[in-house]
């Protein structure tokens, strides 16, 4: 039985690529999984399962497709942020290594912002490690970290404490006291038996290894249609 022809990509005569929701074009799922695993290796099946969960209800996977060749050249994922109205979080932004330096990253973000506005979202958050200059050129500014979860330490610690919570806190205090006693006993034993052998040397890191692992959070407020002065 012949297979139906692939779904047509939306026309965009001004750009060589289009950004489309992955769940509307599932033929690119495997290519996106492979692309993501080039940068962030994990189980291929786990990656496919994660991508398959994307939908119009968020999170939404967006794939940058070359119009003529129908090749997946980039990807990003958009999720809603609980308790932040009109806001979304963009992650897993990637362009194929062979196509970097061609302006596709900027094109991907531009088309992403257009899509976000079409979904009535007007604030974009993201986190990056080493690409701050790139995002600043696109109008993003550093901001406080945001959470994709609807709860946090503040919400957990607020409100009256029931007996169960008090018991848990009591057990936590006991555990901390026991741990401190064990540490003191260990130190006393070391003083009596002599110092422990020195630790083995750290493995040599390759040249150019970045020891920084703290991500920078950034945001951009997108212009709303009714804010236009035209």
Protein backbone atom coordinates (compact mmCIF):
# COMPACT_ATOMS: atom_id res chain seq x y z
CA UNK A 1 0.00 0.00 0.00
CA UNK A 2 1.57 3.32 -1.04
CA UNK A 3 2.41 5.75 1.72
CA UNK A 4 0.77 9.17 1.69
CA UNK A 5 2.98 12.07 0.60
CA UNK A 6 4.71 14.02 3.37
CA UNK A 7 2.85 16.95 4.84
CA UNK A 8 3.65 20.20 3.09
CA UNK A 9 5.81 22.68 4.96
CA UNK A 10 4.46 26.21 5.40
CA UNK A 11 5.81 28.51 2.67
CA UNK A 12 8.39 31.12 3.61
CA UNK A 13 9.97 32.67 0.50
CA UNK A 14 12.16 34.99 2.60
CA UNK A 15 14.02 32.22 4.46
CA UNK A 16 15.58 28.88 3.49
CA UNK A 17 14.19 27.19 6.60
CA UNK A 18 10.90 27.03 8.47
CA UNK A 19 10.22 26.32 12.14
CA UNK A 20 7.34 23.90 12.70
CA UNK A 21 5.91 22.00 15.69
CA UNK A 22 7.46 18.55 15.80
CA UNK A 23 4.21 16.80 16.75
CA UNK A 24 2.67 18.07 13.51
CA UNK A 25 5.62 16.68 11.53
CA UNK A 26 6.54 13.44 13.36
CA UNK A 27 8.70 12.33 10.43
CA UNK A 28 11.48 14.48 11.93
CA UNK A 29 11.37 12.88 15.39
CA UNK A 30 14.27 10.50 14.83
CA UNK A 31 16.42 13.22 13.27
CA UNK A 32 15.73 15.52 16.24
CA UNK A 33 16.60 12.77 18.72
CA UNK A 34 19.89 12.14 16.93
CA UNK A 35 20.65 15.86 16.80
CA UNK A 36 19.97 16.35 20.51
CA UNK A 37 22.10 13.35 21.44
CA UNK A 38 25.05 14.91 19.62
CA UNK A 39 25.06 17.66 22.25
CA UNK A 40 23.45 15.97 25.26
CA UNK A 41 23.93 12.18 25.03
CA UNK A 42 21.28 9.95 26.55
CA UNK A 43 19.37 6.80 25.66
CA UNK A 44 17.96 7.07 22.15
CA UNK A 45 14.70 5.45 23.23
CA UNK A 46 14.36 7.81 26.19
CA UNK A 47 14.95 10.72 23.86
CA UNK A 48 12.31 9.47 21.43
CA UNK A 49 9.82 8.99 24.26
CA UNK A 50 10.44 12.54 25.46
CA UNK A 51 9.95 14.00 22.00
CA UNK A 52 6.80 11.96 21.47
CA UNK A 53 5.24 13.62 24.53
CA UNK A 54 5.29 17.05 22.89
CA UNK A 55 1.92 18.46 21.86
CA UNK A 56 -0.05 21.66 21.38
CA UNK A 57 -0.76 21.63 25.12
CA UNK A 58 2.96 22.10 25.93
CA UNK A 59 5.70 21.30 26.05
CA UNK A 60 6.06 21.90 22.31
CA UNK A 61 9.06 20.69 20.35
CA UNK A 62 9.96 22.99 17.46
CA UNK A 63 12.09 21.74 14.58
CA UNK A 64 13.93 23.94 12.08
CA UNK A 65 13.58 22.32 8.66
CA UNK A 66 15.38 23.15 5.43
CA UNK A 67 12.51 23.74 3.01
CA UNK A 68 14.04 22.24 -0.14
CA UNK A 69 15.76 19.17 1.31
CA UNK A 70 13.35 18.64 4.23
CA UNK A 71 16.31 18.14 6.57
CA UNK A 72 16.06 18.88 10.29
CA UNK A 73 18.76 21.45 11.01
CA UNK A 74 17.73 22.73 14.44
CA UNK A 75 15.50 22.15 17.42
CA UNK A 76 14.18 23.75 20.61
CA UNK A 77 11.54 22.98 23.23
CA UNK A 78 9.01 25.40 24.70
CA UNK A 79 7.34 24.84 28.09
CA UNK A 80 4.92 26.89 30.13
CA UNK A 81 6.06 28.35 33.46
CA UNK A 82 3.60 27.79 36.33
CA UNK A 83 2.54 30.92 38.19
CA UNK A 84 4.01 33.20 35.49
CA UNK A 85 1.31 34.49 33.19
CA UNK A 86 2.11 34.95 29.49
CA UNK A 87 5.55 33.39 30.00
CA UNK A 88 7.35 30.36 28.61
CA UNK A 89 10.72 28.67 29.00
CA UNK A 90 12.86 27.71 26.00
CA UNK A 91 15.43 24.95 26.30
CA UNK A 92 17.40 22.42 24.24
CA UNK A 93 18.19 25.06 21.62
CA UNK A 94 20.49 23.48 19.06
CA UNK A 95 21.61 23.83 15.44
CA UNK A 96 23.25 20.98 13.56
CA UNK A 97 27.06 21.21 13.93
CA UNK A 98 27.54 21.21 10.16
CA UNK A 99 25.29 24.26 9.78
CA UNK A 100 26.55 26.46 12.58
CA UNK A 101 27.83 29.88 11.61
CA UNK A 102 25.15 30.26 8.92
CA UNK A 103 22.79 32.41 10.96
CA UNK A 104 20.38 29.55 11.60
CA UNK A 105 20.50 30.02 15.37
CA UNK A 106 19.26 33.59 15.04
CA UNK A 107 16.63 32.48 12.52
CA UNK A 108 15.46 29.73 14.85
CA UNK A 109 15.03 32.17 17.74
CA UNK A 110 13.27 34.72 15.54
CA UNK A 111 10.77 32.16 14.27
CA UNK A 112 10.37 30.80 17.78
CA UNK A 113 9.40 34.23 19.09
CA UNK A 114 6.84 34.56 16.30
CA UNK A 115 5.36 31.21 17.30
CA UNK A 116 5.34 32.15 20.98
CA UNK A 117 3.42 35.35 20.24
CA UNK A 118 0.92 33.36 18.18
CA UNK A 119 0.26 31.31 21.35
CA UNK A 120 -0.43 34.48 23.36
CA UNK A 121 2.84 34.26 25.27
CA UNK A 122 4.93 37.41 25.51
CA UNK A 123 7.84 36.69 27.88
CA UNK A 124 10.54 34.18 26.97
CA UNK A 125 12.90 32.75 29.59
CA UNK A 126 15.91 30.53 28.95
CA UNK A 127 19.15 29.41 30.54
CA UNK A 128 22.52 29.17 28.88
CA UNK A 129 26.07 28.16 29.65
CA UNK A 130 28.51 30.13 27.53
CA UNK A 131 26.12 31.61 24.95
CA UNK A 132 25.25 34.80 26.83
CA UNK A 133 26.66 37.08 24.10
CA UNK A 134 24.58 35.37 21.42
CA UNK A 135 21.34 35.84 23.33
CA UNK A 136 22.18 39.41 24.32
CA UNK A 137 22.48 40.26 20.63
CA UNK A 138 18.94 38.95 20.23
CA UNK A 139 17.61 41.22 22.98
CA UNK A 140 17.76 38.90 25.99
CA UNK A 141 18.86 40.17 29.39
CA UNK A 142 20.09 38.36 32.48
CA UNK A 143 17.46 37.69 35.14
CA UNK A 144 16.74 35.70 38.28
CA UNK A 145 16.35 31.92 37.90
CA UNK A 146 12.87 30.58 37.24
CA UNK A 147 11.41 27.16 37.97
CA UNK A 148 9.32 24.98 35.68
CA UNK A 149 7.70 23.43 38.74
CA UNK A 150 4.60 24.74 40.46
CA UNK A 151 6.09 24.40 43.94
CA UNK A 152 9.25 25.52 45.64
CA UNK A 153 10.94 25.94 49.00
CA UNK A 154 8.86 29.01 49.78
CA UNK A 155 5.56 27.23 49.26
CA UNK A 156 6.73 24.20 51.21
CA UNK A 157 7.85 26.20 54.24
CA UNK A 158 4.81 28.49 54.40
CA UNK A 159 1.62 27.75 56.31
CA UNK A 160 0.96 26.06 59.66
CA UNK A 161 2.83 22.89 60.46
CA UNK A 162 0.91 19.76 61.33
CA UNK A 163 2.11 17.03 63.68
CA UNK A 164 3.50 14.97 60.83
CA UNK A 165 5.63 17.89 59.64
CA UNK A 166 6.88 18.53 63.17
CA UNK A 167 7.82 14.85 63.56
CA UNK A 168 9.72 14.97 60.27
CA UNK A 169 11.60 18.06 61.43
CA UNK A 170 12.42 16.34 64.73
CA UNK A 171 13.75 13.29 62.89
CA UNK A 172 15.80 15.58 60.64
CA UNK A 173 17.38 17.27 63.68
CA UNK A 174 18.19 13.90 65.22
CA UNK A 175 19.79 12.76 61.99
CA UNK A 176 21.94 15.90 61.85
CA UNK A 177 23.03 15.46 65.46
CA UNK A 178 23.92 11.79 64.88
CA UNK A 179 25.90 12.77 61.79
CA UNK A 180 27.81 15.42 63.72
CA UNK A 181 28.66 12.95 66.48
CA UNK A 182 29.92 10.48 63.87
CA UNK A 183 32.09 13.19 62.29
CA UNK A 184 33.62 14.13 65.65
CA UNK A 185 34.35 10.46 66.44
CA UNK A 186 35.98 10.07 63.05
CA UNK A 187 38.17 13.13 63.61
CA UNK A 188 39.24 11.85 67.03
CA UNK A 189 40.12 8.49 65.53
CA UNK A 190 42.25 10.20 62.88
CA UNK A 191 44.11 12.17 65.55
CA UNK A 192 44.91 8.96 67.42
CA UNK A 193 45.91 6.84 64.42
CA UNK A 194 47.65 9.45 62.30
CA UNK A 195 46.64 11.33 59.17
CA UNK A 196 44.99 9.43 56.30
CA UNK A 197 46.93 8.86 53.08
CA UNK A 198 46.80 11.75 50.60
CA UNK A 199 44.07 11.54 47.96
CA UNK A 200 45.02 10.52 44.43
CA UNK A 201 45.74 13.38 42.00
CA UNK A 202 42.84 14.73 39.99
CA UNK A 203 42.66 13.59 36.37
CA UNK A 204 44.08 16.07 33.89
CA UNK A 205 41.42 18.07 32.10
CA UNK A 206 41.76 18.65 28.36
CA UNK A 207 42.88 22.07 27.19
CA UNK A 208 39.93 24.41 26.95
CA UNK A 209 37.91 22.57 29.56
CA UNK A 210 35.36 24.92 31.10
CA UNK A 211 35.16 24.37 34.84
CA UNK A 212 32.19 26.73 35.20
CA UNK A 213 28.87 24.94 35.43
CA UNK A 214 26.53 27.70 36.60
CA UNK A 215 23.92 28.54 34.01
CA UNK A 216 22.86 32.09 33.28
CA UNK A 217 19.13 32.76 33.18
CA UNK A 218 17.90 35.29 30.65
CA UNK A 219 14.56 36.72 29.55
CA UNK A 220 13.05 38.80 26.79
CA UNK A 221 9.73 40.59 26.73
CA UNK A 222 8.16 40.37 23.29
CA UNK A 223 6.13 43.20 21.84
CA UNK A 224 2.39 42.56 21.91
CA UNK A 225 0.38 43.21 18.74
CA UNK A 226 -1.50 46.10 20.35
CA UNK A 227 1.79 47.70 21.44
CA UNK A 228 2.72 48.47 17.84
CA UNK A 229 2.89 52.17 16.97
CA UNK A 230 2.10 51.63 13.29
